[in-house]
Amino acid sequence: MNHWGRIFFIYEAEELSSVYGQPLQNHVGNCRSILEKFDTHYFHEATRERLFRAVELHDLGKRDTFRIRRDDKTHRLLYSFAGHRFRVPHEDPYIASLIRAHHEFSVEQVNHERARQGSESEKSWFPDDLYLLCMADQLEAELAVKSVEKKDSVPRTFMEFSTERLDDAFRTFGVVPWPFREEGFTLSVRLKKLPEKEFRGKEPKEIERALKNLPLDEESAITITLVRERRHGN
């Protein structure tokens, strides 16, 4: 069975023109790569390893919550992983709290999870680590969607950083403000081209089953380049 991190349903003039799937493992790997590039001052040494473990596990719940549905108004195909963050595969309360809260950086949620921690230091560090997990996850998502679907704007909840398309032909982006140690780096988004004709006229449950059983051979990859834009003064 396949485990997808994202499905791109691309429409032209209300017709489904192409479908791509990004494997879950690729999305998670890119999130870790982004996190590894953050400047060292963002991290707390005592919880750094647990933060990286949370990144590796944060979307494991997607394996059991993948669903396909149609939009009530447009009838376009959509995918959903609703509830995946509550499938927590780790007993460490710090890691578990990071996973549960990684889509809800709110005062209420942060305080609720902080109360679960065993020491005052962990309670103090938790919001910073959750912030990093959220930013890595959402930066990866925004860059992938902008690159594959060619969208100029991808609204994301509580995103502190903005991505700017610098060169469409080479999928080059700037990030403002620039939070990374290096002046630039690349990400590889792996994609499986899916047979869109097989999805037309099918019920969402049929499509869902087909996607889970498609072989992951013949993947392609696109390279996304992130560079620091000096003109922004950051």
C-alpha atoms as a PDB file:
ATOM      1  CA  MET A   1       0.000   0.000   0.000  1.00  0.00           C
ATOM      2  CA  ASN A   2       1.237   3.473  -0.878  1.00  0.00           C
ATOM      3  CA  HIS A   3       1.480   6.314   1.593  1.00  0.00           C
ATOM      4  CA  TRP A   4       1.049   9.742   0.058  1.00  0.00           C
ATOM      5  CA  GLY A   5       2.159  13.047   1.516  1.00  0.00           C
ATOM      6  CA  ARG A   6       0.216  15.120  -0.987  1.00  0.00           C
ATOM      7  CA  ILE A   7      -1.905  14.709  -4.120  1.00  0.00           C
ATOM      8  CA  PHE A   8      -1.904  17.436  -6.764  1.00  0.00           C
ATOM      9  CA  PHE A   9      -5.190  17.560  -8.681  1.00  0.00           C
ATOM     10  CA  ILE A  10      -4.521  20.115 -11.423  1.00  0.00           C
ATOM     11  CA  TYR A  11      -7.518  21.551 -13.252  1.00  0.00           C
ATOM     12  CA  GLU A  12      -7.756  23.595 -16.440  1.00  0.00           C
ATOM     13  CA  ALA A  13     -11.094  25.169 -17.385  1.00  0.00           C
ATOM     14  CA  GLU A  14     -12.831  22.981 -14.798  1.00  0.00           C
ATOM     15  CA  GLU A  15     -11.415  19.821 -16.364  1.00  0.00           C
ATOM     16  CA  LEU A  16      -8.982  17.573 -14.546  1.00  0.00           C
ATOM     17  CA  SER A  17      -5.825  17.874 -16.641  1.00  0.00           C
ATOM     18  CA  SER A  18      -3.175  16.098 -14.573  1.00  0.00           C
ATOM     19  CA  VAL A  19      -2.634  14.363 -11.254  1.00  0.00           C
ATOM     20  CA  TYR A  20       0.611  13.909  -9.342  1.00  0.00           C
ATOM     21  CA  GLY A  21       1.334  12.205  -6.055  1.00  0.00           C
ATOM     22  CA  GLN A  22       4.156  13.087  -3.670  1.00  0.00           C
ATOM     23  CA  PRO A  23       5.205  10.149  -1.481  1.00  0.00           C
ATOM     24  CA  LEU A  24       4.898  10.740   2.254  1.00  0.00           C
ATOM     25  CA  GLN A  25       8.522   9.797   2.853  1.00  0.00           C
ATOM     26  CA  ASN A  26       9.675  12.516   0.447  1.00  0.00           C
ATOM     27  CA  HIS A  27       7.611  15.220   2.164  1.00  0.00           C
ATOM     28  CA  VAL A  28       8.928  14.207   5.579  1.00  0.00           C
ATOM     29  CA  GLY A  29      12.507  14.070   4.313  1.00  0.00           C
ATOM     30  CA  ASN A  30      12.210  17.564   2.883  1.00  0.00           C
ATOM     31  CA  CYS A  31      10.806  18.864   6.172  1.00  0.00           C
ATOM     32  CA  ARG A  32      13.849  17.480   7.961  1.00  0.00           C
ATOM     33  CA  SER A  33      16.177  19.001   5.361  1.00  0.00           C
ATOM     34  CA  ILE A  34      14.594  22.425   5.869  1.00  0.00           C
ATOM     35  CA  LEU A  35      14.815  22.124   9.652  1.00  0.00           C
ATOM     36  CA  GLU A  36      18.479  21.123   9.462  1.00  0.00           C
ATOM     37  CA  LYS A  37      19.243  24.349   7.593  1.00  0.00           C
ATOM     38  CA  PHE A  38      17.795  26.692  10.248  1.00  0.00           C
ATOM     39  CA  ASP A  39      20.347  28.859  12.010  1.00  0.00           C
ATOM     40  CA  THR A  40      21.610  27.267  15.215  1.00  0.00           C
ATOM     41  CA  HIS A  41      20.267  30.057  17.440  1.00  0.00           C
ATOM     42  CA  TYR A  42      16.734  28.750  16.828  1.00  0.00           C
ATOM     43  CA  PHE A  43      17.453  25.459  18.626  1.00  0.00           C
ATOM     44  CA  HIS A  44      17.629  24.362  22.251  1.00  0.00           C
ATOM     45  CA  GLU A  45      20.400  21.802  22.550  1.00  0.00           C
ATOM     46  CA  ALA A  46      18.586  19.792  25.242  1.00  0.00           C
ATOM     47  CA  THR A  47      15.553  19.118  23.017  1.00  0.00           C
ATOM     48  CA  ARG A  48      17.114  19.251  19.561  1.00  0.00           C
ATOM     49  CA  GLU A  49      17.157  15.483  19.010  1.00  0.00           C
ATOM     50  CA  ARG A  50      13.558  15.109  20.150  1.00  0.00           C
ATOM     51  CA  LEU A  51      12.508  17.899  17.799  1.00  0.00           C
ATOM     52  CA  PHE A  52      14.097  16.090  14.863  1.00  0.00           C
ATOM     53  CA  ARG A  53      12.444  12.851  15.930  1.00  0.00           C
ATOM     54  CA  ALA A  54       9.096  14.666  15.973  1.00  0.00           C
ATOM     55  CA  VAL A  55       9.725  15.903  12.424  1.00  0.00           C
ATOM     56  CA  GLU A  56      10.389  12.348  11.279  1.00  0.00           C
ATOM     57  CA  LEU A  57       7.127  11.128  12.851  1.00  0.00           C
ATOM     58  CA  HIS A  58       4.838  14.158  12.558  1.00  0.00           C
ATOM     59  CA  ASP A  59       2.838  12.877   9.582  1.00  0.00           C
ATOM     60  CA  LEU A  60       2.837   9.150  10.308  1.00  0.00           C
ATOM     61  CA  GLY A  61      -0.890   9.437  11.006  1.00  0.00           C
ATOM     62  CA  LYS A  62      -1.454  10.251   7.334  1.00  0.00           C
ATOM     63  CA  ARG A  63      -1.088   6.550   6.571  1.00  0.00           C
ATOM     64  CA  ASP A  64      -4.429   5.838   8.245  1.00  0.00           C
ATOM     65  CA  THR A  65      -6.327   9.055   7.506  1.00  0.00           C
ATOM     66  CA  PHE A  66      -5.896   9.487   3.735  1.00  0.00           C
ATOM     67  CA  ARG A  67      -9.232  10.296   2.108  1.00  0.00           C
ATOM     68  CA  ILE A  68     -10.460  11.556  -1.266  1.00  0.00           C
ATOM     69  CA  ARG A  69     -13.584  13.677  -1.571  1.00  0.00           C
ATOM     70  CA  ARG A  70     -15.219  16.194  -3.899  1.00  0.00           C
ATOM     71  CA  ASP A  71     -15.710  19.858  -3.109  1.00  0.00           C
ATOM     72  CA  ASP A  72     -19.385  20.517  -2.417  1.00  0.00           C
ATOM     73  CA  LYS A  73     -19.475  23.590  -4.674  1.00  0.00           C
ATOM     74  CA  THR A  74     -16.940  23.009  -7.459  1.00  0.00           C
ATOM     75  CA  HIS A  75     -17.084  19.185  -7.425  1.00  0.00           C
ATOM     76  CA  ARG A  76     -13.319  19.136  -7.869  1.00  0.00           C
ATOM     77  CA  LEU A  77     -11.368  16.298  -6.307  1.00  0.00           C
ATOM     78  CA  LEU A  78      -9.650  17.018  -3.006  1.00  0.00           C
ATOM     79  CA  TYR A  79      -7.578  14.974  -0.588  1.00  0.00           C
ATOM     80  CA  SER A  80      -7.721  15.030   3.188  1.00  0.00           C
ATOM     81  CA  PHE A  81      -5.707  13.791   6.149  1.00  0.00           C
ATOM     82  CA  ALA A  82      -8.149  15.090   8.762  1.00  0.00           C
ATOM     83  CA  GLY A  83      -7.182  14.002  12.260  1.00  0.00           C
ATOM     84  CA  HIS A  84      -3.739  12.709  11.336  1.00  0.00           C
ATOM     85  CA  ARG A  85      -1.940  14.799  13.964  1.00  0.00           C
ATOM     86  CA  PHE A  86      -3.820  12.973  16.720  1.00  0.00           C
ATOM     87  CA  ARG A  87      -2.331   9.621  15.650  1.00  0.00           C
ATOM     88  CA  VAL A  88       0.719   9.936  17.876  1.00  0.00           C
ATOM     89  CA  PRO A  89       3.236   7.093  17.440  1.00  0.00           C
ATOM     90  CA  HIS A  90       5.581   7.976  20.311  1.00  0.00           C
ATOM     91  CA  GLU A  91       5.496   7.582  24.097  1.00  0.00           C
ATOM     92  CA  ASP A  92       7.831  10.497  24.854  1.00  0.00           C
ATOM     93  CA  PRO A  93       5.422  13.240  26.010  1.00  0.00           C
ATOM     94  CA  TYR A  94       7.518  16.012  24.467  1.00  0.00           C
ATOM     95  CA  ILE A  95       7.630  14.391  21.027  1.00  0.00           C
ATOM     96  CA  ALA A  96       3.961  13.417  21.258  1.00  0.00           C
ATOM     97  CA  SER A  97       2.960  16.990  22.094  1.00  0.00           C
ATOM     98  CA  LEU A  98       4.913  18.390  19.151  1.00  0.00           C
ATOM     99  CA  ILE A  99       3.149  15.987  16.800  1.00  0.00           C
ATOM    100  CA  ARG A 100      -0.323  16.702  18.197  1.00  0.00           C
ATOM    101  CA  ALA A 101       0.101  20.463  17.990  1.00  0.00           C
ATOM    102  CA  HIS A 102       1.915  20.819  14.661  1.00  0.00           C
ATOM    103  CA  HIS A 103      -1.165  22.170  12.848  1.00  0.00           C
ATOM    104  CA  GLU A 104      -2.427  24.382  15.656  1.00  0.00           C
ATOM    105  CA  PHE A 105       0.051  26.954  16.892  1.00  0.00           C
ATOM    106  CA  SER A 106      -2.477  28.677  19.145  1.00  0.00           C
ATOM    107  CA  VAL A 107      -2.156  29.987  22.690  1.00  0.00           C
ATOM    108  CA  GLU A 108      -4.704  27.461  23.924  1.00  0.00           C
ATOM    109  CA  GLN A 109      -3.069  24.467  22.226  1.00  0.00           C
ATOM    110  CA  VAL A 110       0.470  25.471  23.189  1.00  0.00           C
ATOM    111  CA  ASN A 111      -0.482  25.942  26.841  1.00  0.00           C
ATOM    112  CA  HIS A 112      -2.390  22.659  26.856  1.00  0.00           C
ATOM    113  CA  GLU A 113       0.649  20.744  25.583  1.00  0.00           C
ATOM    114  CA  ARG A 114       3.111  22.651  27.767  1.00  0.00           C
ATOM    115  CA  ALA A 115       1.189  21.471  30.815  1.00  0.00           C
ATOM    116  CA  ARG A 116       1.979  17.877  29.833  1.00  0.00           C
ATOM    117  CA  GLN A 117       5.742  18.418  30.079  1.00  0.00           C
ATOM    118  CA  GLY A 118       7.734  17.217  33.053  1.00  0.00           C
ATOM    119  CA  SER A 119      10.086  20.124  33.705  1.00  0.00           C
ATOM    120  CA  GLU A 120       9.891  23.896  33.662  1.00  0.00           C
ATOM    121  CA  SER A 121      12.684  23.955  31.082  1.00  0.00           C
ATOM    122  CA  GLU A 122      10.708  21.739  28.706  1.00  0.00           C
ATOM    123  CA  LYS A 123       7.641  23.906  29.195  1.00  0.00           C
ATOM    124  CA  SER A 124       9.733  26.937  28.301  1.00  0.00           C
ATOM    125  CA  TRP A 125      11.339  25.369  25.221  1.00  0.00           C
ATOM    126  CA  PHE A 126       8.220  23.723  23.819  1.00  0.00           C
ATOM    127  CA  PRO A 127       6.744  26.766  21.967  1.00  0.00           C
ATOM    128  CA  ASP A 128      10.065  27.385  20.198  1.00  0.00           C
ATOM    129  CA  ASP A 129      10.366  23.779  19.047  1.00  0.00           C
ATOM    130  CA  LEU A 130       6.744  23.631  17.942  1.00  0.00           C
ATOM    131  CA  TYR A 131       7.284  26.825  15.965  1.00  0.00           C
ATOM    132  CA  LEU A 132      10.234  25.256  14.114  1.00  0.00           C
ATOM    133  CA  LEU A 133       8.284  22.096  13.311  1.00  0.00           C
ATOM    134  CA  CYS A 134       5.356  24.152  12.003  1.00  0.00           C
ATOM    135  CA  MET A 135       7.563  26.396   9.879  1.00  0.00           C
ATOM    136  CA  ALA A 136       9.502  23.517   8.302  1.00  0.00           C
ATOM    137  CA  ASP A 137       6.255  21.679   7.517  1.00  0.00           C
ATOM    138  CA  GLN A 138       4.513  24.693   6.035  1.00  0.00           C
ATOM    139  CA  LEU A 139       7.508  25.955   4.068  1.00  0.00           C
ATOM    140  CA  GLU A 140       7.824  22.551   2.399  1.00  0.00           C
ATOM    141  CA  ALA A 141       4.135  22.508   1.580  1.00  0.00           C
ATOM    142  CA  GLU A 142       4.094  26.029   0.150  1.00  0.00           C
ATOM    143  CA  LEU A 143       7.171  25.457  -2.005  1.00  0.00           C
ATOM    144  CA  ALA A 144       5.859  22.152  -3.352  1.00  0.00           C
ATOM    145  CA  VAL A 145       2.447  23.583  -4.241  1.00  0.00           C
ATOM    146  CA  LYS A 146       3.915  26.693  -5.865  1.00  0.00           C
ATOM    147  CA  SER A 147       6.315  24.573  -7.912  1.00  0.00           C
ATOM    148  CA  VAL A 148       3.927  21.858  -9.071  1.00  0.00           C
ATOM    149  CA  GLU A 149       0.654  23.773  -9.370  1.00  0.00           C
ATOM    150  CA  LYS A 150       2.320  27.059 -10.440  1.00  0.00           C
ATOM    151  CA  LYS A 151       0.347  29.003  -7.864  1.00  0.00           C
ATOM    152  CA  ASP A 152       1.548  32.470  -6.906  1.00  0.00           C
ATOM    153  CA  SER A 153      -0.225  32.554  -3.571  1.00  0.00           C
ATOM    154  CA  VAL A 154      -0.632  29.669  -1.139  1.00  0.00           C
ATOM    155  CA  PRO A 155      -2.288  30.884   2.078  1.00  0.00           C
ATOM    156  CA  ARG A 156      -0.856  29.183   5.141  1.00  0.00           C
ATOM    157  CA  THR A 157      -1.885  29.520   8.755  1.00  0.00           C
ATOM    158  CA  PHE A 158       0.557  31.375  11.053  1.00  0.00           C
ATOM    159  CA  MET A 159       3.338  31.474   8.444  1.00  0.00           C
ATOM    160  CA  GLU A 160       5.975  33.957   9.610  1.00  0.00           C
ATOM    161  CA  PHE A 161       8.083  33.482   6.490  1.00  0.00           C
ATOM    162  CA  SER A 162       7.018  34.341   2.961  1.00  0.00           C
ATOM    163  CA  THR A 163       8.321  32.648  -0.165  1.00  0.00           C
ATOM    164  CA  GLU A 164       8.973  34.654  -3.314  1.00  0.00           C
ATOM    165  CA  ARG A 165       9.308  33.153  -6.769  1.00  0.00           C
ATOM    166  CA  LEU A 166      12.581  34.435  -8.242  1.00  0.00           C
ATOM    167  CA  ASP A 167      12.946  32.283 -11.347  1.00  0.00           C
ATOM    168  CA  ASP A 168      10.032  30.185 -12.547  1.00  0.00           C
ATOM    169  CA  ALA A 169      12.034  28.227 -15.125  1.00  0.00           C
ATOM    170  CA  PHE A 170      14.471  26.963 -12.505  1.00  0.00           C
ATOM    171  CA  ARG A 171      11.992  26.839  -9.585  1.00  0.00           C
ATOM    172  CA  THR A 172      14.060  29.265  -7.547  1.00  0.00           C
ATOM    173  CA  PHE A 173      12.580  30.936  -4.480  1.00  0.00           C
ATOM    174  CA  GLY A 174      13.602  33.410  -1.832  1.00  0.00           C
ATOM    175  CA  VAL A 175      12.429  33.170   1.767  1.00  0.00           C
ATOM    176  CA  VAL A 176      11.816  36.365   3.732  1.00  0.00           C
ATOM    177  CA  PRO A 177      13.076  36.790   6.375  1.00  0.00           C
ATOM    178  CA  TRP A 178      15.925  34.345   5.672  1.00  0.00           C
ATOM    179  CA  PRO A 179      16.228  31.998   8.701  1.00  0.00           C
ATOM    180  CA  PHE A 180      18.914  29.620   7.422  1.00  0.00           C
ATOM    181  CA  ARG A 181      22.653  29.263   8.056  1.00  0.00           C
ATOM    182  CA  GLU A 182      23.552  28.791   4.398  1.00  0.00           C
ATOM    183  CA  GLU A 183      23.104  31.264   1.554  1.00  0.00           C
ATOM    184  CA  GLY A 184      21.161  28.718  -0.469  1.00  0.00           C
ATOM    185  CA  PHE A 185      20.216  25.052  -0.795  1.00  0.00           C
ATOM    186  CA  THR A 186      18.006  22.716  -2.804  1.00  0.00           C
ATOM    187  CA  LEU A 187      15.097  20.382  -2.135  1.00  0.00           C
ATOM    188  CA  SER A 188      14.022  17.452  -4.292  1.00  0.00           C
ATOM    189  CA  VAL A 189      10.277  16.883  -4.657  1.00  0.00           C
ATOM    190  CA  ARG A 190       9.570  13.386  -5.932  1.00  0.00           C
ATOM    191  CA  LEU A 191       6.421  12.956  -7.997  1.00  0.00           C
ATOM    192  CA  LYS A 192       4.451  10.065  -9.404  1.00  0.00           C
ATOM    193  CA  LYS A 193       2.460  10.965 -12.526  1.00  0.00           C
ATOM    194  CA  LEU A 194      -0.971   9.457 -12.043  1.00  0.00           C
ATOM    195  CA  PRO A 195      -3.397   8.456 -14.820  1.00  0.00           C
ATOM    196  CA  GLU A 196      -5.963  11.263 -14.552  1.00  0.00           C
ATOM    197  CA  LYS A 197      -8.308   9.587 -17.041  1.00  0.00           C
ATOM    198  CA  GLU A 198      -8.817   6.808 -14.501  1.00  0.00           C
ATOM    199  CA  PHE A 199     -10.221   9.335 -12.013  1.00  0.00           C
ATOM    200  CA  ARG A 200     -12.838  10.951 -14.227  1.00  0.00           C
ATOM    201  CA  GLY A 201     -16.365   9.862 -13.375  1.00  0.00           C
ATOM    202  CA  LYS A 202     -15.222   7.732 -10.447  1.00  0.00           C
ATOM    203  CA  GLU A 203     -16.492   7.939  -6.905  1.00  0.00           C
ATOM    204  CA  PRO A 204     -14.029   9.290  -4.312  1.00  0.00           C
ATOM    205  CA  LYS A 205     -13.774   5.922  -2.546  1.00  0.00           C
ATOM    206  CA  GLU A 206     -12.833   4.215  -5.810  1.00  0.00           C
ATOM    207  CA  ILE A 207     -10.144   6.811  -6.454  1.00  0.00           C
ATOM    208  CA  GLU A 208      -8.902   6.468  -2.899  1.00  0.00           C
ATOM    209  CA  ARG A 209      -8.473   2.711  -3.266  1.00  0.00           C
ATOM    210  CA  ALA A 210      -6.748   3.106  -6.626  1.00  0.00           C
ATOM    211  CA  LEU A 211      -4.266   5.640  -5.245  1.00  0.00           C
ATOM    212  CA  LYS A 212      -3.388   3.404  -2.319  1.00  0.00           C
ATOM    213  CA  ASN A 213      -2.617   0.501  -4.639  1.00  0.00           C
ATOM    214  CA  LEU A 214      -0.702   2.260  -7.421  1.00  0.00           C
ATOM    215  CA  PRO A 215       2.947   1.164  -7.697  1.00  0.00           C
ATOM    216  CA  LEU A 216       5.529   3.818  -6.868  1.00  0.00           C
ATOM    217  CA  ASP A 217       7.738   3.040  -9.859  1.00  0.00           C
ATOM    218  CA  GLU A 218       8.625   5.582 -12.541  1.00  0.00           C
ATOM    219  CA  GLU A 219       8.844   8.494 -10.164  1.00  0.00           C
ATOM    220  CA  SER A 220      10.323  11.739 -11.380  1.00  0.00           C
ATOM    221  CA  ALA A 221      11.814  14.571  -9.346  1.00  0.00           C
ATOM    222  CA  ILE A 222      11.849  18.337  -9.512  1.00  0.00           C
ATOM    223  CA  THR A 223      14.517  20.417  -7.825  1.00  0.00           C
ATOM    224  CA  ILE A 224      13.542  23.509  -5.855  1.00  0.00           C
ATOM    225  CA  THR A 225      16.279  26.033  -5.121  1.00  0.00           C
ATOM    226  CA  LEU A 226      16.132  28.418  -2.178  1.00  0.00           C
ATOM    227  CA  VAL A 227      18.465  31.416  -2.184  1.00  0.00           C
ATOM    228  CA  ARG A 228      18.936  34.418   0.034  1.00  0.00           C
ATOM    229  CA  GLU A 229      17.890  37.675  -1.589  1.00  0.00           C
ATOM    230  CA  ARG A 230      20.313  40.348  -0.425  1.00  0.00           C
ATOM    231  CA  ARG A 231      18.169  43.199  -1.727  1.00  0.00           C
ATOM    232  CA  HIS A 232      15.690  42.566   1.075  1.00  0.00           C
ATOM    233  CA  GLY A 233      18.313  43.371   3.658  1.00  0.00           C
ATOM    234  CA  ASN A 234      17.700  40.297   5.754  1.00  0.00           C
END
